Amino acid sequence: MHGQLGPEDVNSEWAETAIASPDCDTQAVQSYLSTRFGDKRVSFDPSDPEANKLAVSQGYTVVHGGMMSAAAWQNAKAANAILPAGQVTPGPKVWTGEDDPNAALFNDWIPESKWTHGMREIADFARRVADNVLSRQIVVKFCSTPHHLGAASYGPTGELVFNKFRLGAQWFEQGITDEVVRLLIHEFGHEYSGDHLSSDYHDALCRIGARMFSLAKRREL
């Protein structure tokens, strides 16, 4: 009968009792969750706060612990019917390779001796921007790895990492393009906030963009 349930039914006491039963079928669990929370659903992930916000921004329903009984949660996880937000919309993290044994195994770091002219140009530009806009010295690194989730990352330690695997080799050989500037503004915003959806991060992007425009206008960047 799970396929016949409507939105009102799944919120009824008898349906909640059924979904918590140890005899509840896997397909019934999947169907129940889809009807109640939609096909785009994740469970609240306390280990990755930004993942929960990113999930909401991408149209997912974030299901909190109190919205189902412990037995219903057990069935949902056993049926692989809902995943933590951190596994679906993970918040960006600075990739260092330290916790990834494959980083050393596959030589994912690109030594400076193998940087192309385009990579050096972008590294120099990134350092100038950091010096003039953030008032700090940074370390620029390049990697080429599928283990890094994004195109680049920047952390509070002042380490900027570009991922050639995600960006593609040609991206570095086109000079200082709009895309390069856009990516730097995005990453350098994390100097002030790690949360993409916070007002602090938004304000930081505005300040960085305005500062870069002012410096470029005076030909100081």
N, C-alpha and C. Protein backbone atom coordinates (compact mmCIF):
# COMPACT_ATOMS: atom_id res chain seq x y z
N MET A 1 0.81 -1.23 0.00
CA MET A 1 0.00 0.00 0.00
C MET A 1 0.85 1.28 0.00
N HIS A 2 2.16 1.15 0.16
CA HIS A 2 2.98 2.36 0.31
C HIS A 2 2.88 3.27 -0.92
N GLY A 3 2.64 2.68 -2.09
CA GLY A 3 2.52 3.48 -3.30
C GLY A 3 1.24 4.29 -3.37
N GLN A 4 0.28 3.97 -2.50
CA GLN A 4 -1.00 4.67 -2.50
C GLN A 4 -1.05 5.82 -1.49
N LEU A 5 0.01 5.96 -0.71
CA LEU A 5 0.01 6.99 0.34
C LEU A 5 0.18 8.38 -0.24
N GLY A 6 -0.59 9.32 0.29
CA GLY A 6 -0.48 10.72 -0.09
C GLY A 6 0.21 11.51 1.00
N PRO A 7 0.45 12.81 0.78
CA PRO A 7 1.13 13.66 1.77
C PRO A 7 0.48 13.64 3.15
N GLU A 8 -0.86 13.59 3.20
CA GLU A 8 -1.54 13.57 4.50
C GLU A 8 -1.35 12.22 5.18
N ASP A 9 -1.33 11.16 4.38
CA ASP A 9 -1.19 9.81 4.96
C ASP A 9 0.16 9.62 5.65
N VAL A 10 1.24 10.09 5.00
CA VAL A 10 2.57 9.83 5.56
C VAL A 10 2.80 10.57 6.88
N ASN A 11 1.99 11.56 7.15
CA ASN A 11 2.12 12.29 8.42
C ASN A 11 1.18 11.76 9.50
N SER A 12 0.47 10.69 9.18
CA SER A 12 -0.46 10.11 10.15
C SER A 12 0.28 9.19 11.11
N GLU A 13 -0.32 8.95 12.27
CA GLU A 13 0.31 8.13 13.29
C GLU A 13 0.50 6.69 12.84
N TRP A 14 -0.51 6.15 12.13
CA TRP A 14 -0.42 4.75 11.71
C TRP A 14 0.70 4.53 10.69
N ALA A 15 0.93 5.52 9.80
CA ALA A 15 2.00 5.39 8.82
C ALA A 15 3.37 5.48 9.49
N GLU A 16 3.48 6.35 10.48
CA GLU A 16 4.74 6.48 11.20
C GLU A 16 5.04 5.22 12.00
N THR A 17 4.00 4.57 12.50
CA THR A 17 4.18 3.31 13.21
C THR A 17 4.65 2.22 12.25
N ALA A 18 4.05 2.21 11.07
CA ALA A 18 4.41 1.20 10.07
C ALA A 18 5.84 1.37 9.59
N ILE A 19 6.26 2.61 9.36
CA ILE A 19 7.61 2.85 8.82
C ILE A 19 8.68 2.50 9.85
N ALA A 20 8.30 2.46 11.12
CA ALA A 20 9.25 2.13 12.19
C ALA A 20 9.30 0.64 12.48
N SER A 21 8.45 -0.13 11.84
CA SER A 21 8.39 -1.57 12.09
C SER A 21 9.64 -2.28 11.55
N PRO A 22 10.18 -3.25 12.28
CA PRO A 22 11.33 -4.00 11.78
C PRO A 22 10.99 -4.82 10.53
N ASP A 23 9.70 -5.02 10.28
CA ASP A 23 9.28 -5.78 9.10
C ASP A 23 9.00 -4.89 7.89
N CYS A 24 9.25 -3.60 8.02
CA CYS A 24 8.95 -2.67 6.93
C CYS A 24 9.86 -2.95 5.73
N ASP A 25 9.26 -3.06 4.55
CA ASP A 25 9.99 -3.37 3.33
C ASP A 25 10.85 -2.17 2.89
N THR A 26 11.99 -2.48 2.28
CA THR A 26 12.91 -1.43 1.81
C THR A 26 12.24 -0.47 0.84
N GLN A 27 11.47 -1.02 -0.10
CA GLN A 27 10.77 -0.17 -1.07
C GLN A 27 9.76 0.73 -0.38
N ALA A 28 9.13 0.20 0.67
CA ALA A 28 8.15 1.00 1.41
C ALA A 28 8.83 2.18 2.10
N VAL A 29 10.03 1.93 2.63
CA VAL A 29 10.78 3.00 3.29
C VAL A 29 11.13 4.09 2.28
N GLN A 30 11.63 3.67 1.12
CA GLN A 30 11.98 4.62 0.08
C GLN A 30 10.76 5.45 -0.36
N SER A 31 9.65 4.76 -0.57
CA SER A 31 8.43 5.42 -1.02
C SER A 31 7.91 6.39 0.03
N TYR A 32 7.93 5.97 1.28
CA TYR A 32 7.46 6.81 2.39
C TYR A 32 8.26 8.11 2.46
N LEU A 33 9.60 7.98 2.41
CA LEU A 33 10.45 9.16 2.52
C LEU A 33 10.27 10.09 1.32
N SER A 34 10.10 9.51 0.14
CA SER A 34 9.91 10.34 -1.06
C SER A 34 8.61 11.12 -0.98
N THR A 35 7.58 10.48 -0.48
CA THR A 35 6.28 11.15 -0.37
C THR A 35 6.31 12.22 0.70
N ARG A 36 6.97 11.92 1.80
CA ARG A 36 6.96 12.86 2.93
C ARG A 36 7.97 14.01 2.75
N PHE A 37 9.18 13.67 2.26
CA PHE A 37 10.23 14.69 2.21
C PHE A 37 10.67 15.05 0.79
N GLY A 38 10.17 14.33 -0.21
CA GLY A 38 10.58 14.59 -1.58
C GLY A 38 11.77 13.73 -1.99
N ASP A 39 12.01 13.69 -3.29
CA ASP A 39 13.13 12.88 -3.79
C ASP A 39 14.48 13.49 -3.44
N LYS A 40 14.53 14.83 -3.31
CA LYS A 40 15.77 15.50 -2.94
C LYS A 40 15.75 15.72 -1.43
N ARG A 41 16.37 14.82 -0.73
CA ARG A 41 16.36 14.87 0.74
C ARG A 41 17.71 14.43 1.28
N VAL A 42 18.09 15.01 2.39
CA VAL A 42 19.32 14.63 3.09
C VAL A 42 19.03 14.70 4.58
N SER A 43 19.83 14.01 5.35
CA SER A 43 19.70 14.13 6.80
C SER A 43 20.64 15.22 7.30
N PHE A 44 20.24 15.90 8.35
CA PHE A 44 21.06 16.95 8.94
C PHE A 44 22.39 16.36 9.37
N ASP A 45 23.48 17.04 9.00
CA ASP A 45 24.82 16.54 9.27
C ASP A 45 25.54 17.49 10.23
N PRO A 46 25.62 17.14 11.52
CA PRO A 46 26.28 18.03 12.49
C PRO A 46 27.78 18.15 12.26
N SER A 47 28.37 17.21 11.52
CA SER A 47 29.81 17.26 11.28
C SER A 47 30.19 18.21 10.15
N ASP A 48 29.20 18.67 9.39
CA ASP A 48 29.48 19.57 8.26
C ASP A 48 28.37 20.61 8.18
N PRO A 49 28.42 21.64 9.04
CA PRO A 49 27.34 22.64 9.10
C PRO A 49 27.03 23.30 7.77
N GLU A 50 28.07 23.59 6.97
CA GLU A 50 27.80 24.28 5.71
C GLU A 50 27.10 23.37 4.71
N ALA A 51 27.32 22.07 4.82
CA ALA A 51 26.66 21.12 3.91
C ALA A 51 25.15 21.22 4.03
N ASN A 52 24.66 21.43 5.24
CA ASN A 52 23.21 21.56 5.45
C ASN A 52 22.66 22.80 4.75
N LYS A 53 23.40 23.90 4.84
CA LYS A 53 22.97 25.15 4.18
C LYS A 53 23.03 25.01 2.66
N LEU A 54 24.09 24.36 2.18
CA LEU A 54 24.22 24.16 0.74
C LEU A 54 23.09 23.28 0.21
N ALA A 55 22.69 22.30 1.02
CA ALA A 55 21.60 21.42 0.61
C ALA A 55 20.31 22.22 0.43
N VAL A 56 20.01 23.09 1.39
CA VAL A 56 18.81 23.92 1.30
C VAL A 56 18.89 24.82 0.07
N SER A 57 20.07 25.41 -0.18
CA SER A 57 20.21 26.32 -1.31
C SER A 57 20.05 25.60 -2.64
N GLN A 58 20.27 24.28 -2.65
CA GLN A 58 20.15 23.50 -3.88
C GLN A 58 18.82 22.75 -3.96
N GLY A 59 17.88 23.10 -3.08
CA GLY A 59 16.53 22.56 -3.18
C GLY A 59 16.29 21.26 -2.45
N TYR A 60 17.22 20.86 -1.58
CA TYR A 60 17.02 19.64 -0.81
C TYR A 60 16.22 19.94 0.46
N THR A 61 15.49 18.95 0.92
CA THR A 61 14.86 19.01 2.23
C THR A 61 15.83 18.41 3.23
N VAL A 62 16.17 19.17 4.27
CA VAL A 62 17.07 18.66 5.30
C VAL A 62 16.21 18.07 6.42
N VAL A 63 16.34 16.78 6.63
CA VAL A 63 15.53 16.06 7.60
C VAL A 63 16.29 15.99 8.92
N HIS A 64 15.72 16.56 9.95
CA HIS A 64 16.35 16.58 11.28
C HIS A 64 15.94 15.35 12.09
N GLY A 65 16.72 15.08 13.11
CA GLY A 65 16.52 13.87 13.90
C GLY A 65 15.13 13.72 14.47
N GLY A 66 14.55 14.81 14.99
CA GLY A 66 13.25 14.74 15.64
C GLY A 66 12.08 14.56 14.69
N MET A 67 12.34 14.56 13.40
CA MET A 67 11.26 14.45 12.44
C MET A 67 10.83 12.99 12.20
N MET A 68 11.63 12.04 12.69
CA MET A 68 11.27 10.63 12.63
C MET A 68 11.71 9.95 13.91
N SER A 69 11.09 8.84 14.22
CA SER A 69 11.46 8.08 15.41
C SER A 69 12.81 7.39 15.19
N ALA A 70 13.41 6.93 16.27
CA ALA A 70 14.70 6.25 16.17
C ALA A 70 14.60 5.01 15.31
N ALA A 71 13.50 4.25 15.45
CA ALA A 71 13.32 3.04 14.65
C ALA A 71 13.14 3.37 13.17
N ALA A 72 12.44 4.46 12.88
CA ALA A 72 12.25 4.87 11.49
C ALA A 72 13.59 5.29 10.88
N TRP A 73 14.40 5.99 11.64
CA TRP A 73 15.73 6.36 11.16
C TRP A 73 16.57 5.13 10.88
N GLN A 74 16.46 4.16 11.76
CA GLN A 74 17.22 2.91 11.56
C GLN A 74 16.83 2.25 10.25
N ASN A 75 15.54 2.19 9.97
CA ASN A 75 15.06 1.60 8.72
C ASN A 75 15.50 2.42 7.52
N ALA A 76 15.45 3.75 7.66
CA ALA A 76 15.83 4.62 6.55
C ALA A 76 17.30 4.46 6.19
N LYS A 77 18.15 4.36 7.21
CA LYS A 77 19.58 4.19 6.95
C LYS A 77 19.88 2.80 6.41
N ALA A 78 19.18 1.79 6.92
CA ALA A 78 19.39 0.42 6.44
C ALA A 78 18.99 0.29 4.97
N ALA A 79 17.97 1.06 4.57
CA ALA A 79 17.50 1.02 3.19
C ALA A 79 18.29 1.97 2.29
N ASN A 80 19.26 2.67 2.87
CA ASN A 80 20.04 3.68 2.13
C ASN A 80 19.11 4.69 1.46
N ALA A 81 18.06 5.04 2.20
CA ALA A 81 17.02 5.91 1.65
C ALA A 81 17.31 7.39 1.88
N ILE A 82 18.27 7.67 2.74
CA ILE A 82 18.62 9.07 3.00
C ILE A 82 20.08 9.13 3.42
N LEU A 83 20.81 10.10 2.88
CA LEU A 83 22.23 10.25 3.17
C LEU A 83 22.47 11.55 3.92
N PRO A 84 23.54 11.61 4.72
CA PRO A 84 23.88 12.86 5.40
C PRO A 84 24.21 13.96 4.39
N ALA A 85 23.91 15.17 4.74
CA ALA A 85 24.17 16.29 3.83
C ALA A 85 25.65 16.36 3.44
N GLY A 86 26.53 16.00 4.36
CA GLY A 86 27.96 16.06 4.08
C GLY A 86 28.40 15.14 2.96
N GLN A 87 27.60 14.12 2.66
CA GLN A 87 27.93 13.20 1.57
C GLN A 87 27.28 13.62 0.24
N VAL A 88 26.28 14.48 0.32
CA VAL A 88 25.54 14.89 -0.89
C VAL A 88 25.95 16.29 -1.34
N THR A 89 25.99 17.22 -0.41
CA THR A 89 26.38 18.60 -0.72
C THR A 89 27.48 19.03 0.26
N PRO A 90 28.64 18.39 0.20
CA PRO A 90 29.69 18.67 1.18
C PRO A 90 30.17 20.10 1.14
N GLY A 91 30.41 20.65 2.31
CA GLY A 91 31.00 21.97 2.38
C GLY A 91 32.44 21.91 1.93
N PRO A 92 32.93 22.94 1.27
CA PRO A 92 34.30 22.93 0.76
C PRO A 92 35.32 22.89 1.89
N LYS A 93 36.36 22.12 1.68
CA LYS A 93 37.43 22.00 2.67
C LYS A 93 38.76 22.19 1.97
N VAL A 94 39.72 22.69 2.70
CA VAL A 94 41.05 22.86 2.14
C VAL A 94 41.71 21.50 2.03
N TRP A 95 42.10 21.12 0.82
CA TRP A 95 42.73 19.82 0.61
C TRP A 95 44.23 19.96 0.79
N THR A 96 44.79 19.17 1.71
CA THR A 96 46.23 19.22 1.96
C THR A 96 46.91 17.93 1.55
N GLY A 97 46.12 16.87 1.35
CA GLY A 97 46.70 15.58 1.01
C GLY A 97 47.20 14.83 2.23
N GLU A 98 47.21 15.49 3.40
CA GLU A 98 47.77 14.87 4.59
C GLU A 98 46.97 13.67 5.06
N ASP A 99 45.66 13.72 4.90
CA ASP A 99 44.81 12.62 5.34
C ASP A 99 44.47 11.67 4.19
N ASP A 100 45.12 11.84 3.06
CA ASP A 100 44.81 11.06 1.88
C ASP A 100 46.06 10.32 1.42
N PRO A 101 46.16 9.02 1.73
CA PRO A 101 47.36 8.27 1.35
C PRO A 101 47.57 8.23 -0.16
N ASN A 102 46.48 8.39 -0.93
CA ASN A 102 46.61 8.36 -2.39
C ASN A 102 47.34 9.58 -2.93
N ALA A 103 47.35 10.67 -2.16
CA ALA A 103 48.00 11.90 -2.63
C ALA A 103 49.48 11.65 -2.92
N ALA A 104 50.13 10.96 -2.00
CA ALA A 104 51.54 10.65 -2.19
C ALA A 104 51.72 9.53 -3.22
N LEU A 105 50.82 8.58 -3.17
CA LEU A 105 50.91 7.42 -4.06
C LEU A 105 50.84 7.82 -5.52
N PHE A 106 49.96 8.75 -5.85
CA PHE A 106 49.77 9.15 -7.24
C PHE A 106 50.47 10.47 -7.58
N ASN A 107 51.34 10.95 -6.68
CA ASN A 107 52.07 12.19 -6.93
C ASN A 107 51.12 13.32 -7.33
N ASP A 108 50.08 13.53 -6.52
CA ASP A 108 49.06 14.50 -6.87
C ASP A 108 49.54 15.94 -6.78
N TRP A 109 50.59 16.20 -6.01
CA TRP A 109 51.14 17.55 -5.95
C TRP A 109 52.04 17.79 -7.16
N ILE A 110 51.97 18.99 -7.73
CA ILE A 110 52.79 19.35 -8.88
C ILE A 110 53.96 20.19 -8.37
N PRO A 111 55.18 19.68 -8.44
CA PRO A 111 56.33 20.46 -7.95
C PRO A 111 56.54 21.72 -8.78
N GLU A 112 57.11 22.73 -8.17
CA GLU A 112 57.28 24.02 -8.85
C GLU A 112 58.13 23.87 -10.10
N SER A 113 59.03 22.90 -10.12
CA SER A 113 59.88 22.69 -11.30
C SER A 113 59.07 22.29 -12.53
N LYS A 114 57.83 21.83 -12.32
CA LYS A 114 56.99 21.40 -13.43
C LYS A 114 55.83 22.37 -13.70
N TRP A 115 55.86 23.53 -13.05
CA TRP A 115 54.83 24.53 -13.33
C TRP A 115 55.05 25.08 -14.74
N THR A 116 53.95 25.28 -15.45
CA THR A 116 54.01 25.90 -16.78
C THR A 116 54.10 27.42 -16.62
N HIS A 117 54.36 28.09 -17.74
CA HIS A 117 54.40 29.56 -17.70
C HIS A 117 53.07 30.12 -17.20
N GLY A 118 51.96 29.55 -17.66
CA GLY A 118 50.64 30.02 -17.24
C GLY A 118 50.40 29.82 -15.76
N MET A 119 50.85 28.70 -15.22
CA MET A 119 50.69 28.43 -13.79
C MET A 119 51.49 29.44 -12.98
N ARG A 120 52.70 29.75 -13.43
CA ARG A 120 53.53 30.72 -12.71
C ARG A 120 52.90 32.12 -12.75
N GLU A 121 52.33 32.46 -13.90
CA GLU A 121 51.69 33.77 -14.03
C GLU A 121 50.52 33.90 -13.07
N ILE A 122 49.71 32.85 -12.97
CA ILE A 122 48.56 32.88 -12.08
C ILE A 122 49.00 32.88 -10.62
N ALA A 123 50.04 32.12 -10.30
CA ALA A 123 50.56 32.10 -8.93
C ALA A 123 51.07 33.48 -8.52
N ASP A 124 51.81 34.14 -9.42
CA ASP A 124 52.33 35.48 -9.13
C ASP A 124 51.18 36.47 -8.93
N PHE A 125 50.17 36.37 -9.79
CA PHE A 125 49.03 37.28 -9.70
C PHE A 125 48.28 37.05 -8.38
N ALA A 126 48.10 35.79 -8.00
CA ALA A 126 47.39 35.47 -6.75
C ALA A 126 48.14 36.04 -5.55
N ARG A 127 49.46 35.94 -5.58
CA ARG A 127 50.26 36.48 -4.47
C ARG A 127 50.13 38.00 -4.41
N ARG A 128 50.13 38.66 -5.58
CA ARG A 128 49.99 40.13 -5.60
C ARG A 128 48.63 40.56 -5.05
N VAL A 129 47.59 39.82 -5.46
CA VAL A 129 46.25 40.15 -4.98
C VAL A 129 46.19 39.98 -3.47
N ALA A 130 46.73 38.89 -2.96
CA ALA A 130 46.70 38.64 -1.52
C ALA A 130 47.45 39.73 -0.77
N ASP A 131 48.60 40.12 -1.32
CA ASP A 131 49.42 41.14 -0.66
C ASP A 131 48.73 42.50 -0.63
N ASN A 132 48.12 42.87 -1.75
CA ASN A 132 47.51 44.19 -1.88
C ASN A 132 46.09 44.28 -1.35
N VAL A 133 45.36 43.16 -1.40
CA VAL A 133 43.95 43.18 -1.01
C VAL A 133 43.74 42.60 0.39
N LEU A 134 44.42 41.49 0.68
CA LEU A 134 44.24 40.85 1.99
C LEU A 134 45.30 41.31 2.99
N SER A 135 46.32 41.98 2.49
CA SER A 135 47.45 42.43 3.33
C SER A 135 48.12 41.25 4.02
N ARG A 136 48.33 40.18 3.25
CA ARG A 136 49.04 39.04 3.81
C ARG A 136 49.78 38.29 2.71
N GLN A 137 50.80 37.57 3.11
CA GLN A 137 51.58 36.73 2.19
C GLN A 137 50.95 35.34 2.20
N ILE A 138 50.83 34.77 1.02
CA ILE A 138 50.22 33.44 0.93
C ILE A 138 51.18 32.47 0.25
N VAL A 139 50.86 31.20 0.38
CA VAL A 139 51.59 30.13 -0.31
C VAL A 139 50.66 29.59 -1.39
N VAL A 140 51.15 29.49 -2.61
CA VAL A 140 50.36 28.97 -3.73
C VAL A 140 50.88 27.58 -4.10
N LYS A 141 49.96 26.63 -4.22
CA LYS A 141 50.32 25.27 -4.61
C LYS A 141 49.41 24.81 -5.74
N PHE A 142 49.89 23.83 -6.48
CA PHE A 142 49.09 23.22 -7.55
C PHE A 142 49.05 21.72 -7.33
N CYS A 143 47.88 21.15 -7.55
CA CYS A 143 47.74 19.70 -7.49
C CYS A 143 46.96 19.26 -8.71
N SER A 144 46.95 17.98 -8.95
CA SER A 144 46.13 17.41 -10.02
C SER A 144 45.57 16.11 -9.48
N THR A 145 44.39 16.20 -8.88
CA THR A 145 43.85 15.05 -8.15
C THR A 145 42.34 15.01 -8.18
N PRO A 146 41.75 13.81 -8.29
CA PRO A 146 40.29 13.67 -8.17
C PRO A 146 39.85 13.67 -6.72
N HIS A 147 40.82 13.63 -5.79
CA HIS A 147 40.48 13.56 -4.37
C HIS A 147 40.10 14.92 -3.80
N HIS A 148 40.53 15.98 -4.47
CA HIS A 148 40.15 17.34 -4.09
C HIS A 148 38.80 17.62 -4.75
N LEU A 149 37.79 18.00 -3.94
CA LEU A 149 36.43 18.13 -4.46
C LEU A 149 36.26 19.28 -5.44
N GLY A 150 37.01 20.35 -5.25
CA GLY A 150 36.75 21.54 -6.05
C GLY A 150 37.89 21.95 -6.95
N ALA A 151 37.71 23.08 -7.61
CA ALA A 151 38.72 23.62 -8.51
C ALA A 151 39.86 24.27 -7.75
N ALA A 152 39.56 24.77 -6.56
CA ALA A 152 40.58 25.43 -5.75
C ALA A 152 40.12 25.47 -4.31
N SER A 153 41.04 25.79 -3.42
CA SER A 153 40.66 25.94 -2.01
C SER A 153 41.63 26.91 -1.36
N TYR A 154 41.11 27.59 -0.33
CA TYR A 154 41.93 28.54 0.41
C TYR A 154 41.53 28.46 1.87
N GLY A 155 42.52 28.39 2.74
CA GLY A 155 42.22 28.26 4.16
C GLY A 155 42.84 29.35 4.99
N PRO A 156 42.52 29.36 6.28
CA PRO A 156 43.00 30.41 7.17
C PRO A 156 44.52 30.42 7.36
N THR A 157 45.19 29.33 6.95
CA THR A 157 46.65 29.30 7.07
C THR A 157 47.32 30.08 5.94
N GLY A 158 46.51 30.57 4.98
CA GLY A 158 47.07 31.34 3.88
C GLY A 158 47.63 30.47 2.76
N GLU A 159 47.08 29.27 2.61
CA GLU A 159 47.52 28.37 1.55
C GLU A 159 46.45 28.27 0.47
N LEU A 160 46.80 28.67 -0.74
CA LEU A 160 45.89 28.62 -1.88
C LEU A 160 46.29 27.46 -2.78
N VAL A 161 45.32 26.57 -3.03
CA VAL A 161 45.60 25.37 -3.84
C VAL A 161 44.72 25.39 -5.09
N PHE A 162 45.35 25.28 -6.26
CA PHE A 162 44.63 25.13 -7.52
C PHE A 162 44.66 23.65 -7.92
N ASN A 163 43.53 23.14 -8.38
CA ASN A 163 43.45 21.74 -8.80
C ASN A 163 43.38 21.66 -10.32
N LYS A 164 44.50 21.28 -10.93
CA LYS A 164 44.58 21.19 -12.39
C LYS A 164 43.65 20.11 -12.94
N PHE A 165 43.40 19.09 -12.15
CA PHE A 165 42.51 18.00 -12.57
C PHE A 165 41.11 18.53 -12.84
N ARG A 166 40.62 19.45 -12.00
CA ARG A 166 39.28 20.01 -12.15
C ARG A 166 39.25 21.17 -13.16
N LEU A 167 40.27 21.99 -13.15
CA LEU A 167 40.25 23.19 -13.99
C LEU A 167 40.65 22.89 -15.43
N GLY A 168 41.49 21.89 -15.63
CA GLY A 168 41.99 21.59 -16.97
C GLY A 168 43.25 22.36 -17.27
N ALA A 169 44.14 21.77 -18.05
CA ALA A 169 45.43 22.38 -18.33
C ALA A 169 45.29 23.72 -19.06
N GLN A 170 44.33 23.82 -19.96
CA GLN A 170 44.17 25.02 -20.77
C GLN A 170 43.77 26.23 -19.94
N TRP A 171 43.09 26.00 -18.83
CA TRP A 171 42.62 27.10 -17.97
C TRP A 171 43.78 27.97 -17.52
N PHE A 172 44.94 27.36 -17.32
CA PHE A 172 46.09 28.09 -16.80
C PHE A 172 46.87 28.82 -17.89
N GLU A 173 46.61 28.49 -19.15
CA GLU A 173 47.43 29.02 -20.23
C GLU A 173 46.77 30.18 -20.97
N GLN A 174 45.67 30.70 -20.44
CA GLN A 174 44.95 31.78 -21.12
C GLN A 174 45.20 33.15 -20.48
N GLY A 175 46.13 33.20 -19.54
CA GLY A 175 46.43 34.46 -18.89
C GLY A 175 45.47 34.75 -17.74
N ILE A 176 45.45 36.00 -17.30
CA ILE A 176 44.61 36.41 -16.18
C ILE A 176 43.24 36.77 -16.73
N THR A 177 42.39 35.78 -16.85
CA THR A 177 41.06 35.96 -17.42
C THR A 177 40.05 36.33 -16.33
N ASP A 178 38.83 36.63 -16.77
CA ASP A 178 37.75 36.90 -15.82
C ASP A 178 37.53 35.72 -14.89
N GLU A 179 37.69 34.51 -15.44
CA GLU A 179 37.47 33.31 -14.63
C GLU A 179 38.53 33.18 -13.54
N VAL A 180 39.76 33.56 -13.85
CA VAL A 180 40.82 33.53 -12.84
C VAL A 180 40.49 34.51 -11.72
N VAL A 181 40.09 35.72 -12.09
CA VAL A 181 39.76 36.74 -11.09
C VAL A 181 38.56 36.30 -10.27
N ARG A 182 37.55 35.75 -10.93
CA ARG A 182 36.35 35.29 -10.22
C ARG A 182 36.71 34.23 -9.19
N LEU A 183 37.55 33.27 -9.59
CA LEU A 183 37.93 32.19 -8.68
C LEU A 183 38.72 32.72 -7.49
N LEU A 184 39.62 33.68 -7.75
CA LEU A 184 40.40 34.24 -6.65
C LEU A 184 39.51 34.99 -5.66
N ILE A 185 38.56 35.79 -6.17
CA ILE A 185 37.65 36.50 -5.28
C ILE A 185 36.87 35.50 -4.42
N HIS A 186 36.40 34.44 -5.07
CA HIS A 186 35.64 33.41 -4.35
C HIS A 186 36.48 32.80 -3.23
N GLU A 187 37.70 32.41 -3.56
CA GLU A 187 38.54 31.73 -2.57
C GLU A 187 39.03 32.69 -1.49
N PHE A 188 39.41 33.89 -1.87
CA PHE A 188 39.93 34.83 -0.88
C PHE A 188 38.83 35.32 0.07
N GLY A 189 37.57 35.14 -0.30
CA GLY A 189 36.49 35.45 0.63
C GLY A 189 36.58 34.62 1.89
N HIS A 190 37.23 33.45 1.78
CA HIS A 190 37.36 32.57 2.95
C HIS A 190 38.42 33.06 3.94
N GLU A 191 39.09 34.14 3.59
CA GLU A 191 39.97 34.78 4.57
C GLU A 191 39.14 35.31 5.72
N TYR A 192 37.87 35.64 5.44
CA TYR A 192 37.01 36.26 6.44
C TYR A 192 35.88 35.35 6.92
N SER A 193 35.52 34.38 6.11
CA SER A 193 34.44 33.46 6.51
C SER A 193 34.53 32.17 5.71
N GLY A 194 34.30 31.05 6.39
CA GLY A 194 34.30 29.76 5.72
C GLY A 194 32.93 29.35 5.24
N ASP A 195 31.93 30.15 5.56
CA ASP A 195 30.54 29.81 5.25
C ASP A 195 30.08 30.56 4.01
N HIS A 196 29.88 29.82 2.91
CA HIS A 196 29.47 30.44 1.65
C HIS A 196 28.14 31.19 1.74
N LEU A 197 27.30 30.80 2.67
CA LEU A 197 25.96 31.37 2.72
C LEU A 197 25.79 32.42 3.81
N SER A 198 26.89 32.84 4.42
CA SER A 198 26.80 33.83 5.49
C SER A 198 26.91 35.24 4.92
N SER A 199 26.39 36.21 5.67
CA SER A 199 26.51 37.61 5.25
C SER A 199 27.96 38.07 5.33
N ASP A 200 28.74 37.50 6.26
CA ASP A 200 30.16 37.86 6.36
C ASP A 200 30.90 37.50 5.08
N TYR A 201 30.59 36.32 4.53
CA TYR A 201 31.25 35.89 3.30
C TYR A 201 30.82 36.78 2.13
N HIS A 202 29.53 37.07 2.06
CA HIS A 202 29.01 37.93 0.99
C HIS A 202 29.65 39.31 1.05
N ASP A 203 29.72 39.87 2.25
CA ASP A 203 30.33 41.19 2.41
C ASP A 203 31.82 41.16 2.03
N ALA A 204 32.50 40.05 2.36
CA ALA A 204 33.92 39.92 2.03
C ALA A 204 34.12 39.92 0.52
N LEU A 205 33.27 39.22 -0.21
CA LEU A 205 33.38 39.21 -1.67
C LEU A 205 33.22 40.61 -2.24
N CYS A 206 32.26 41.35 -1.70
CA CYS A 206 32.03 42.72 -2.17
C CYS A 206 33.24 43.60 -1.90
N ARG A 207 33.82 43.47 -0.71
CA ARG A 207 34.99 44.29 -0.37
C ARG A 207 36.18 43.94 -1.25
N ILE A 208 36.40 42.65 -1.46
CA ILE A 208 37.54 42.21 -2.26
C ILE A 208 37.38 42.68 -3.71
N GLY A 209 36.18 42.52 -4.27
CA GLY A 209 35.93 42.96 -5.63
C GLY A 209 36.13 44.46 -5.79
N ALA A 210 35.63 45.22 -4.82
CA ALA A 210 35.77 46.68 -4.88
C ALA A 210 37.24 47.10 -4.76
N ARG A 211 37.97 46.44 -3.87
CA ARG A 211 39.38 46.76 -3.68
C ARG A 211 40.18 46.44 -4.94
N MET A 212 39.89 45.30 -5.57
CA MET A 212 40.60 44.92 -6.79
C MET A 212 40.31 45.90 -7.92
N PHE A 213 39.07 46.35 -8.01
CA PHE A 213 38.71 47.33 -9.04
C PHE A 213 39.47 48.63 -8.81
N SER A 214 39.53 49.07 -7.57
CA SER A 214 40.22 50.32 -7.25
C SER A 214 41.70 50.23 -7.59
N LEU A 215 42.34 49.10 -7.25
CA LEU A 215 43.76 48.93 -7.53
C LEU A 215 44.02 48.85 -9.03
N ALA A 216 43.14 48.12 -9.74
CA ALA A 216 43.30 47.98 -11.19
C ALA A 216 43.13 49.33 -11.88
N LYS A 217 42.18 50.13 -11.38
CA LYS A 217 41.95 51.45 -11.96
C LYS A 217 43.17 52.34 -11.84
N ARG A 218 43.88 52.16 -10.74
CA ARG A 218 45.10 52.95 -10.52
C ARG A 218 46.35 52.25 -11.07
N ARG A 219 46.10 51.10 -11.73
CA ARG A 219 47.18 50.29 -12.31
C ARG A 219 48.18 49.86 -11.25
N GLU A 220 47.67 49.51 -10.07
CA GLU A 220 48.53 49.07 -8.98
C GLU A 220 48.41 47.57 -8.74
N LEU A 221 47.70 46.88 -9.64
CA LEU A 221 47.51 45.44 -9.45
C LEU A 221 47.95 44.71 -10.73
